Amino acid sequence: MPKDAGIAVVQGAVVFGRQPGNITSRILKYTYGTQVSELFIQGVHDPDLKENINGNDRCTKLFGKFIDMGTSVEEGKKVSKTYTNTVPNSSSVEIAVFTADETNPDPMYTNEKGCRPLPPLTVTIPQSPELREIVVDYMFGDTELHLKAMDKLTQKPCEARLRLME
């Protein structure tokens, strides 16, 4: 441990508070992912997480990693992921973001030890008898995780709400 480590932390916090532009990158403390479902594969997926959705057997609660802990991210670092809703005629999809800590940095499921949910993001999408692809941009680099969502077919932004209180 460096000498006067506590003072160094306080000095860094003061610099960030007074001149946030001086901090150009940070190291992610957690792995980030979303809770996703995929077609169920016997012998690969946990049978307890098998669910029939719209006539298809799917494995739910999968951890869909989009960035690893320990990654250095500069302000504005963007990671894009495309998701497909699982039910036709949906008017919204929920993006459930999870973190995974150092006790389990590469989980398969969101219900494993070390995984923690962030508040879910509800994205309003155009209703369609077809399944919709939604592109979600995750922006890192400052002290918050920012998200933007867009309907892939129309290229129009989707309304998104982050629920902080249940």
N, C-alpha and C. Protein backbone atom coordinates (compact mmCIF):
# COMPACT_ATOMS: atom_id res chain seq x y z
N MET A 1 0.85 -1.16 0.00
CA MET A 1 0.00 0.00 0.00
C MET A 1 0.90 1.23 0.00
N PRO A 2 0.59 2.19 -0.87
CA PRO A 2 1.43 3.40 -0.92
C PRO A 2 1.30 4.21 0.37
N LYS A 3 2.36 4.94 0.67
CA LYS A 3 2.34 5.82 1.83
C LYS A 3 1.31 6.92 1.61
N ASP A 4 0.52 7.20 2.63
CA ASP A 4 -0.51 8.25 2.57
C ASP A 4 -1.54 7.99 1.47
N ALA A 5 -1.96 6.73 1.32
CA ALA A 5 -2.94 6.37 0.28
C ALA A 5 -4.25 7.12 0.47
N GLY A 6 -4.68 7.30 1.70
CA GLY A 6 -5.93 8.00 1.97
C GLY A 6 -5.88 9.44 1.48
N ILE A 7 -4.74 10.09 1.69
CA ILE A 7 -4.59 11.48 1.24
C ILE A 7 -4.62 11.55 -0.29
N ALA A 8 -4.01 10.56 -0.95
CA ALA A 8 -4.02 10.54 -2.42
C ALA A 8 -5.44 10.42 -2.95
N VAL A 9 -6.26 9.59 -2.30
CA VAL A 9 -7.65 9.44 -2.72
C VAL A 9 -8.41 10.75 -2.55
N VAL A 10 -8.24 11.40 -1.42
CA VAL A 10 -8.92 12.67 -1.17
C VAL A 10 -8.46 13.72 -2.18
N GLN A 11 -7.16 13.78 -2.45
CA GLN A 11 -6.66 14.75 -3.43
C GLN A 11 -7.25 14.49 -4.81
N GLY A 12 -7.34 13.22 -5.19
CA GLY A 12 -7.95 12.87 -6.48
C GLY A 12 -9.40 13.29 -6.55
N ALA A 13 -10.13 13.10 -5.46
CA ALA A 13 -11.55 13.49 -5.42
C ALA A 13 -11.69 15.01 -5.55
N VAL A 14 -10.80 15.75 -4.90
CA VAL A 14 -10.84 17.21 -4.98
C VAL A 14 -10.55 17.66 -6.41
N VAL A 15 -9.53 17.07 -7.03
CA VAL A 15 -9.20 17.43 -8.42
C VAL A 15 -10.40 17.14 -9.32
N PHE A 16 -11.02 15.95 -9.15
CA PHE A 16 -12.17 15.61 -10.00
C PHE A 16 -13.32 16.57 -9.76
N GLY A 17 -13.57 16.93 -8.51
CA GLY A 17 -14.68 17.83 -8.20
C GLY A 17 -14.48 19.23 -8.74
N ARG A 18 -13.26 19.71 -8.71
CA ARG A 18 -12.99 21.08 -9.14
C ARG A 18 -12.68 21.18 -10.62
N GLN A 19 -12.03 20.15 -11.18
CA GLN A 19 -11.64 20.17 -12.59
C GLN A 19 -11.85 18.78 -13.19
N PRO A 20 -13.13 18.39 -13.43
CA PRO A 20 -13.39 17.03 -13.91
C PRO A 20 -12.73 16.71 -15.24
N GLY A 21 -12.39 17.71 -16.03
CA GLY A 21 -11.72 17.50 -17.31
C GLY A 21 -10.31 16.94 -17.16
N ASN A 22 -9.73 17.05 -15.96
CA ASN A 22 -8.39 16.52 -15.73
C ASN A 22 -8.37 15.00 -15.67
N ILE A 23 -9.51 14.39 -15.38
CA ILE A 23 -9.60 12.93 -15.34
C ILE A 23 -10.05 12.49 -16.73
N THR A 24 -9.15 11.88 -17.49
CA THR A 24 -9.45 11.55 -18.89
C THR A 24 -9.90 10.12 -19.10
N SER A 25 -9.65 9.25 -18.13
CA SER A 25 -10.11 7.87 -18.24
C SER A 25 -10.23 7.28 -16.84
N ARG A 26 -10.92 6.15 -16.77
CA ARG A 26 -11.01 5.45 -15.51
C ARG A 26 -11.04 3.96 -15.77
N ILE A 27 -10.75 3.18 -14.76
CA ILE A 27 -10.75 1.73 -14.84
C ILE A 27 -12.07 1.23 -14.26
N LEU A 28 -12.78 0.39 -15.04
CA LEU A 28 -14.07 -0.11 -14.57
C LEU A 28 -13.89 -1.08 -13.41
N LYS A 29 -14.66 -0.85 -12.37
CA LYS A 29 -14.60 -1.69 -11.17
C LYS A 29 -15.41 -2.97 -11.35
N TYR A 30 -16.37 -2.96 -12.29
CA TYR A 30 -17.25 -4.11 -12.48
C TYR A 30 -17.28 -4.54 -13.95
N THR A 31 -17.70 -5.77 -14.17
CA THR A 31 -18.11 -6.24 -15.49
C THR A 31 -19.56 -5.82 -15.64
N TYR A 32 -19.94 -5.36 -16.83
CA TYR A 32 -21.32 -4.95 -17.08
C TYR A 32 -21.94 -5.87 -18.12
N GLY A 33 -23.22 -6.16 -17.92
CA GLY A 33 -23.96 -6.97 -18.87
C GLY A 33 -25.45 -6.73 -18.72
N THR A 34 -26.22 -7.30 -19.61
CA THR A 34 -27.67 -7.22 -19.53
C THR A 34 -28.24 -8.61 -19.34
N GLN A 35 -29.42 -8.65 -18.77
CA GLN A 35 -30.11 -9.92 -18.64
C GLN A 35 -30.79 -10.20 -19.98
N VAL A 36 -30.42 -11.31 -20.61
CA VAL A 36 -30.96 -11.66 -21.91
C VAL A 36 -31.50 -13.08 -21.87
N SER A 37 -32.27 -13.42 -22.90
CA SER A 37 -32.72 -14.80 -23.06
C SER A 37 -32.29 -15.27 -24.43
N GLU A 38 -31.96 -16.54 -24.51
CA GLU A 38 -31.57 -17.16 -25.78
C GLU A 38 -32.34 -18.46 -25.93
N LEU A 39 -32.37 -18.99 -27.14
CA LEU A 39 -33.01 -20.28 -27.33
C LEU A 39 -32.34 -21.29 -26.41
N PHE A 40 -33.15 -22.09 -25.73
CA PHE A 40 -32.66 -23.04 -24.74
C PHE A 40 -31.89 -24.17 -25.41
N ILE A 41 -30.69 -24.48 -24.91
CA ILE A 41 -29.86 -25.57 -25.42
C ILE A 41 -29.70 -26.59 -24.30
N GLN A 42 -30.31 -27.77 -24.51
CA GLN A 42 -30.23 -28.85 -23.52
C GLN A 42 -28.77 -29.22 -23.27
N GLY A 43 -28.40 -29.37 -22.03
CA GLY A 43 -27.03 -29.74 -21.67
C GLY A 43 -26.10 -28.55 -21.53
N VAL A 44 -26.53 -27.38 -21.99
CA VAL A 44 -25.72 -26.16 -21.85
C VAL A 44 -26.34 -25.24 -20.82
N HIS A 45 -27.65 -25.03 -20.95
CA HIS A 45 -28.35 -24.10 -20.08
C HIS A 45 -28.99 -24.81 -18.88
N ASP A 46 -29.15 -24.05 -17.82
CA ASP A 46 -29.77 -24.54 -16.59
C ASP A 46 -31.25 -24.81 -16.85
N PRO A 47 -31.72 -26.07 -16.65
CA PRO A 47 -33.13 -26.39 -16.89
C PRO A 47 -34.09 -25.58 -16.02
N ASP A 48 -33.64 -25.12 -14.85
CA ASP A 48 -34.50 -24.31 -13.99
C ASP A 48 -34.79 -22.94 -14.60
N LEU A 49 -33.99 -22.53 -15.59
CA LEU A 49 -34.18 -21.22 -16.22
C LEU A 49 -34.84 -21.34 -17.60
N LYS A 50 -35.37 -22.51 -17.91
CA LYS A 50 -36.06 -22.74 -19.18
C LYS A 50 -37.48 -22.18 -19.08
N GLU A 51 -37.85 -21.38 -20.07
CA GLU A 51 -39.17 -20.76 -20.08
C GLU A 51 -39.67 -20.74 -21.53
N ASN A 52 -40.95 -21.04 -21.71
CA ASN A 52 -41.54 -20.97 -23.04
C ASN A 52 -42.04 -19.55 -23.26
N ILE A 53 -41.44 -18.88 -24.24
CA ILE A 53 -41.82 -17.51 -24.56
C ILE A 53 -42.25 -17.47 -26.02
N ASN A 54 -43.52 -17.15 -26.24
CA ASN A 54 -44.06 -17.03 -27.59
C ASN A 54 -43.83 -18.30 -28.41
N GLY A 55 -43.97 -19.46 -27.75
CA GLY A 55 -43.85 -20.74 -28.45
C GLY A 55 -42.43 -21.28 -28.59
N ASN A 56 -41.45 -20.59 -28.00
CA ASN A 56 -40.05 -21.03 -28.08
C ASN A 56 -39.51 -21.27 -26.68
N ASP A 57 -38.80 -22.40 -26.50
CA ASP A 57 -38.12 -22.64 -25.23
C ASP A 57 -36.87 -21.77 -25.19
N ARG A 58 -36.79 -20.93 -24.17
CA ARG A 58 -35.68 -20.00 -24.05
C ARG A 58 -35.06 -20.14 -22.67
N CYS A 59 -33.77 -19.86 -22.58
CA CYS A 59 -33.07 -19.79 -21.30
C CYS A 59 -33.09 -18.32 -20.89
N THR A 60 -33.67 -18.07 -19.72
CA THR A 60 -33.77 -16.70 -19.23
C THR A 60 -32.65 -16.43 -18.23
N LYS A 61 -32.51 -15.20 -17.87
CA LYS A 61 -31.52 -14.76 -16.86
C LYS A 61 -30.08 -14.99 -17.28
N LEU A 62 -29.81 -15.01 -18.57
CA LEU A 62 -28.42 -15.10 -19.03
C LEU A 62 -27.74 -13.74 -18.87
N PHE A 63 -26.47 -13.74 -18.50
CA PHE A 63 -25.69 -12.52 -18.35
C PHE A 63 -25.04 -12.23 -19.70
N GLY A 64 -25.56 -11.23 -20.40
CA GLY A 64 -25.02 -10.83 -21.70
C GLY A 64 -23.97 -9.75 -21.53
N LYS A 65 -22.73 -10.15 -21.30
CA LYS A 65 -21.65 -9.20 -21.01
C LYS A 65 -21.41 -8.26 -22.18
N PHE A 66 -21.20 -6.97 -21.84
CA PHE A 66 -20.81 -6.03 -22.89
C PHE A 66 -19.53 -5.28 -22.59
N ILE A 67 -19.00 -5.38 -21.37
CA ILE A 67 -17.67 -4.81 -21.10
C ILE A 67 -17.12 -5.43 -19.81
N ASP A 68 -15.80 -5.68 -19.81
CA ASP A 68 -15.15 -6.36 -18.70
C ASP A 68 -14.66 -5.40 -17.62
N MET A 69 -14.67 -5.90 -16.39
CA MET A 69 -14.04 -5.15 -15.29
C MET A 69 -12.56 -5.00 -15.62
N GLY A 70 -11.98 -3.90 -15.16
CA GLY A 70 -10.57 -3.65 -15.41
C GLY A 70 -10.30 -2.95 -16.73
N THR A 71 -11.35 -2.77 -17.55
CA THR A 71 -11.18 -2.07 -18.82
C THR A 71 -10.98 -0.58 -18.56
N SER A 72 -10.00 0.00 -19.22
CA SER A 72 -9.78 1.44 -19.13
C SER A 72 -10.71 2.11 -20.14
N VAL A 73 -11.55 3.03 -19.65
CA VAL A 73 -12.49 3.71 -20.54
C VAL A 73 -12.26 5.21 -20.49
N GLU A 74 -12.11 5.79 -21.66
CA GLU A 74 -12.01 7.23 -21.76
C GLU A 74 -13.41 7.81 -21.76
N GLU A 75 -13.54 9.08 -21.38
CA GLU A 75 -14.85 9.71 -21.37
C GLU A 75 -15.48 9.61 -22.76
N GLY A 76 -16.72 9.17 -22.80
CA GLY A 76 -17.43 9.03 -24.06
C GLY A 76 -17.27 7.67 -24.72
N LYS A 77 -16.55 6.74 -24.08
CA LYS A 77 -16.39 5.38 -24.64
C LYS A 77 -17.77 4.79 -24.86
N LYS A 78 -18.03 4.32 -26.09
CA LYS A 78 -19.35 3.80 -26.43
C LYS A 78 -19.25 2.32 -26.78
N VAL A 79 -20.17 1.54 -26.21
CA VAL A 79 -20.32 0.14 -26.54
C VAL A 79 -21.75 -0.03 -27.05
N SER A 80 -21.91 -0.57 -28.25
CA SER A 80 -23.24 -0.76 -28.83
C SER A 80 -23.60 -2.23 -28.85
N LYS A 81 -24.84 -2.52 -28.48
CA LYS A 81 -25.37 -3.89 -28.51
C LYS A 81 -26.76 -3.83 -29.13
N THR A 82 -27.09 -4.89 -29.87
CA THR A 82 -28.41 -4.99 -30.49
C THR A 82 -29.19 -6.09 -29.80
N TYR A 83 -30.42 -5.78 -29.42
CA TYR A 83 -31.30 -6.72 -28.76
C TYR A 83 -32.59 -6.85 -29.56
N THR A 84 -33.21 -8.02 -29.48
CA THR A 84 -34.48 -8.26 -30.15
C THR A 84 -35.52 -8.59 -29.10
N ASN A 85 -36.69 -7.94 -29.20
CA ASN A 85 -37.75 -8.29 -28.25
C ASN A 85 -38.22 -9.71 -28.57
N THR A 86 -38.84 -10.36 -27.61
CA THR A 86 -39.21 -11.77 -27.78
C THR A 86 -40.70 -11.98 -28.03
N VAL A 87 -41.47 -10.91 -27.95
CA VAL A 87 -42.92 -11.02 -28.12
C VAL A 87 -43.39 -10.00 -29.15
N PRO A 88 -44.05 -10.46 -30.25
CA PRO A 88 -44.58 -9.51 -31.24
C PRO A 88 -45.61 -8.58 -30.59
N ASN A 89 -45.82 -7.44 -31.21
CA ASN A 89 -46.79 -6.42 -30.77
C ASN A 89 -46.45 -5.82 -29.41
N SER A 90 -45.20 -5.92 -28.99
CA SER A 90 -44.78 -5.28 -27.74
C SER A 90 -44.70 -3.78 -27.97
N SER A 91 -45.06 -3.02 -26.95
CA SER A 91 -44.92 -1.57 -27.04
C SER A 91 -43.70 -1.08 -26.27
N SER A 92 -43.06 -2.00 -25.52
CA SER A 92 -41.85 -1.63 -24.80
C SER A 92 -41.02 -2.87 -24.52
N VAL A 93 -39.75 -2.65 -24.26
CA VAL A 93 -38.85 -3.72 -23.81
C VAL A 93 -38.12 -3.19 -22.59
N GLU A 94 -37.75 -4.10 -21.71
CA GLU A 94 -37.00 -3.72 -20.53
C GLU A 94 -35.55 -4.14 -20.69
N ILE A 95 -34.66 -3.20 -20.51
CA ILE A 95 -33.22 -3.47 -20.54
C ILE A 95 -32.77 -3.55 -19.09
N ALA A 96 -32.44 -4.75 -18.65
CA ALA A 96 -32.01 -4.96 -17.26
C ALA A 96 -30.49 -5.08 -17.25
N VAL A 97 -29.82 -4.03 -16.79
CA VAL A 97 -28.35 -3.99 -16.72
C VAL A 97 -27.91 -4.54 -15.37
N PHE A 98 -26.87 -5.37 -15.41
CA PHE A 98 -26.31 -5.97 -14.20
C PHE A 98 -24.81 -5.69 -14.15
N THR A 99 -24.29 -5.67 -12.93
CA THR A 99 -22.85 -5.64 -12.73
C THR A 99 -22.42 -6.97 -12.13
N ALA A 100 -21.18 -7.33 -12.35
CA ALA A 100 -20.58 -8.51 -11.73
C ALA A 100 -19.28 -8.05 -11.09
N ASP A 101 -19.06 -8.45 -9.85
CA ASP A 101 -17.87 -7.99 -9.13
C ASP A 101 -16.72 -8.98 -9.23
N GLU A 102 -15.66 -8.70 -8.48
CA GLU A 102 -14.43 -9.50 -8.58
C GLU A 102 -14.62 -10.93 -8.08
N THR A 103 -15.68 -11.22 -7.32
CA THR A 103 -15.90 -12.59 -6.87
C THR A 103 -16.40 -13.50 -7.99
N ASN A 104 -16.94 -12.90 -9.06
CA ASN A 104 -17.46 -13.66 -10.20
C ASN A 104 -17.48 -12.75 -11.43
N PRO A 105 -16.30 -12.44 -11.99
CA PRO A 105 -16.24 -11.44 -13.06
C PRO A 105 -16.79 -11.89 -14.41
N ASP A 106 -17.08 -13.19 -14.57
CA ASP A 106 -17.56 -13.70 -15.85
C ASP A 106 -18.73 -14.67 -15.65
N PRO A 107 -19.85 -14.18 -15.10
CA PRO A 107 -20.97 -15.07 -14.81
C PRO A 107 -21.71 -15.51 -16.06
N MET A 108 -22.38 -16.66 -15.97
CA MET A 108 -23.24 -17.11 -17.06
C MET A 108 -24.66 -16.60 -16.87
N TYR A 109 -25.08 -16.48 -15.60
CA TYR A 109 -26.45 -16.08 -15.28
C TYR A 109 -26.45 -14.88 -14.35
N THR A 110 -27.53 -14.09 -14.42
CA THR A 110 -27.64 -12.89 -13.61
C THR A 110 -28.00 -13.19 -12.16
N ASN A 111 -28.37 -14.42 -11.86
CA ASN A 111 -28.72 -14.75 -10.48
C ASN A 111 -27.56 -15.40 -9.73
N GLU A 112 -26.36 -15.35 -10.29
CA GLU A 112 -25.18 -15.91 -9.64
C GLU A 112 -24.62 -14.94 -8.60
N LYS A 113 -23.83 -15.52 -7.69
CA LYS A 113 -23.11 -14.73 -6.69
C LYS A 113 -22.28 -13.65 -7.38
N GLY A 114 -22.29 -12.45 -6.80
CA GLY A 114 -21.49 -11.36 -7.34
C GLY A 114 -22.21 -10.49 -8.34
N CYS A 115 -23.40 -10.90 -8.81
CA CYS A 115 -24.18 -10.11 -9.77
C CYS A 115 -25.15 -9.21 -9.01
N ARG A 116 -25.30 -8.01 -9.53
CA ARG A 116 -26.19 -7.04 -8.88
C ARG A 116 -26.92 -6.25 -9.97
N PRO A 117 -28.25 -6.14 -9.86
CA PRO A 117 -28.99 -5.37 -10.87
C PRO A 117 -28.86 -3.87 -10.65
N LEU A 118 -28.82 -3.13 -11.74
CA LEU A 118 -28.99 -1.69 -11.71
C LEU A 118 -30.48 -1.44 -11.98
N PRO A 119 -30.97 -0.24 -11.77
CA PRO A 119 -32.39 0.00 -12.09
C PRO A 119 -32.66 -0.32 -13.56
N PRO A 120 -33.80 -0.98 -13.84
CA PRO A 120 -34.11 -1.35 -15.24
C PRO A 120 -34.46 -0.13 -16.08
N LEU A 121 -34.17 -0.24 -17.36
CA LEU A 121 -34.47 0.81 -18.33
C LEU A 121 -35.61 0.31 -19.21
N THR A 122 -36.71 1.04 -19.24
CA THR A 122 -37.84 0.68 -20.09
C THR A 122 -37.75 1.50 -21.38
N VAL A 123 -37.73 0.81 -22.52
CA VAL A 123 -37.61 1.46 -23.83
C VAL A 123 -38.93 1.28 -24.58
N THR A 124 -39.55 2.39 -24.96
CA THR A 124 -40.78 2.35 -25.74
C THR A 124 -40.41 2.12 -27.20
N ILE A 125 -41.04 1.11 -27.82
CA ILE A 125 -40.74 0.76 -29.22
C ILE A 125 -42.02 0.82 -30.05
N PRO A 126 -41.88 0.97 -31.38
CA PRO A 126 -43.06 0.95 -32.23
C PRO A 126 -43.70 -0.45 -32.20
N GLN A 127 -45.01 -0.50 -32.01
CA GLN A 127 -45.69 -1.79 -32.04
C GLN A 127 -45.67 -2.34 -33.45
N SER A 128 -45.40 -3.64 -33.55
CA SER A 128 -45.31 -4.28 -34.85
C SER A 128 -45.59 -5.77 -34.67
N PRO A 129 -46.25 -6.40 -35.66
CA PRO A 129 -46.43 -7.85 -35.56
C PRO A 129 -45.10 -8.60 -35.68
N GLU A 130 -44.08 -7.92 -36.14
CA GLU A 130 -42.73 -8.50 -36.25
C GLU A 130 -41.93 -8.17 -35.00
N LEU A 131 -40.93 -9.00 -34.73
CA LEU A 131 -40.02 -8.69 -33.63
C LEU A 131 -39.16 -7.50 -34.03
N ARG A 132 -38.82 -6.65 -33.05
CA ARG A 132 -38.05 -5.43 -33.33
C ARG A 132 -36.65 -5.56 -32.77
N GLU A 133 -35.68 -5.03 -33.53
CA GLU A 133 -34.31 -4.94 -33.04
C GLU A 133 -34.08 -3.53 -32.50
N ILE A 134 -33.53 -3.49 -31.30
CA ILE A 134 -33.25 -2.23 -30.64
C ILE A 134 -31.74 -2.15 -30.43
N VAL A 135 -31.14 -1.06 -30.88
CA VAL A 135 -29.71 -0.83 -30.68
C VAL A 135 -29.56 0.04 -29.43
N VAL A 136 -28.79 -0.46 -28.49
CA VAL A 136 -28.55 0.29 -27.26
C VAL A 136 -27.07 0.68 -27.22
N ASP A 137 -26.83 1.98 -27.04
CA ASP A 137 -25.47 2.50 -26.87
C ASP A 137 -25.24 2.75 -25.39
N TYR A 138 -24.20 2.12 -24.86
CA TYR A 138 -23.80 2.35 -23.47
C TYR A 138 -22.58 3.26 -23.52
N MET A 139 -22.65 4.39 -22.82
CA MET A 139 -21.54 5.34 -22.81
C MET A 139 -20.91 5.38 -21.42
N PHE A 140 -19.59 5.21 -21.42
CA PHE A 140 -18.81 5.16 -20.19
C PHE A 140 -17.85 6.33 -20.15
N GLY A 141 -17.12 6.41 -19.05
CA GLY A 141 -16.00 7.35 -18.98
C GLY A 141 -16.12 8.35 -17.87
N ASP A 142 -17.33 8.77 -17.54
CA ASP A 142 -17.44 9.65 -16.38
C ASP A 142 -17.96 8.80 -15.22
N THR A 143 -18.57 9.41 -14.25
CA THR A 143 -18.98 8.64 -13.07
C THR A 143 -20.34 7.98 -13.22
N GLU A 144 -20.95 8.09 -14.39
CA GLU A 144 -22.26 7.49 -14.63
C GLU A 144 -22.23 6.66 -15.90
N LEU A 145 -23.17 5.72 -15.98
CA LEU A 145 -23.39 4.95 -17.19
C LEU A 145 -24.56 5.59 -17.91
N HIS A 146 -24.35 6.01 -19.15
CA HIS A 146 -25.40 6.63 -19.95
C HIS A 146 -25.85 5.64 -21.02
N LEU A 147 -27.15 5.65 -21.33
CA LEU A 147 -27.69 4.76 -22.35
C LEU A 147 -28.53 5.54 -23.35
N LYS A 148 -28.45 5.12 -24.62
CA LYS A 148 -29.32 5.63 -25.67
C LYS A 148 -29.86 4.42 -26.40
N ALA A 149 -31.12 4.48 -26.82
CA ALA A 149 -31.72 3.36 -27.54
C ALA A 149 -32.30 3.86 -28.86
N MET A 150 -32.26 2.98 -29.90
CA MET A 150 -32.75 3.35 -31.22
C MET A 150 -33.37 2.12 -31.87
N ASP A 151 -34.51 2.32 -32.54
CA ASP A 151 -35.12 1.26 -33.32
C ASP A 151 -34.27 1.04 -34.56
N LYS A 152 -33.77 -0.18 -34.77
CA LYS A 152 -32.82 -0.43 -35.86
C LYS A 152 -33.45 -0.25 -37.24
N LEU A 153 -34.72 -0.66 -37.39
CA LEU A 153 -35.38 -0.57 -38.70
C LEU A 153 -35.60 0.87 -39.12
N THR A 154 -36.14 1.68 -38.21
CA THR A 154 -36.48 3.06 -38.57
C THR A 154 -35.35 4.05 -38.31
N GLN A 155 -34.34 3.62 -37.54
CA GLN A 155 -33.23 4.49 -37.13
C GLN A 155 -33.70 5.66 -36.27
N LYS A 156 -34.89 5.52 -35.68
CA LYS A 156 -35.42 6.58 -34.82
C LYS A 156 -35.09 6.27 -33.37
N PRO A 157 -34.75 7.33 -32.61
CA PRO A 157 -34.50 7.11 -31.18
C PRO A 157 -35.78 6.62 -30.51
N CYS A 158 -35.60 5.78 -29.50
CA CYS A 158 -36.72 5.29 -28.71
C CYS A 158 -36.74 6.04 -27.39
N GLU A 159 -37.93 6.26 -26.88
CA GLU A 159 -38.05 6.86 -25.56
C GLU A 159 -37.55 5.84 -24.55
N ALA A 160 -36.74 6.30 -23.61
CA ALA A 160 -36.21 5.39 -22.60
C ALA A 160 -36.37 6.02 -21.22
N ARG A 161 -36.79 5.20 -20.27
CA ARG A 161 -36.97 5.66 -18.89
C ARG A 161 -36.19 4.75 -17.96
N LEU A 162 -35.41 5.34 -17.10
CA LEU A 162 -34.67 4.57 -16.10
C LEU A 162 -35.46 4.67 -14.80
N ARG A 163 -35.94 3.53 -14.32
CA ARG A 163 -36.73 3.49 -13.10
C ARG A 163 -35.79 3.43 -11.90
N LEU A 164 -35.76 4.50 -11.13
CA LEU A 164 -34.89 4.55 -9.96
C LEU A 164 -35.58 4.04 -8.71
N MET A 165 -36.88 4.16 -8.67
CA MET A 165 -37.63 3.71 -7.50
C MET A 165 -38.72 2.76 -7.96
N GLU A 166 -38.86 1.66 -7.26
CA GLU A 166 -39.91 0.68 -7.58
C GLU A 166 -41.10 0.95 -6.71
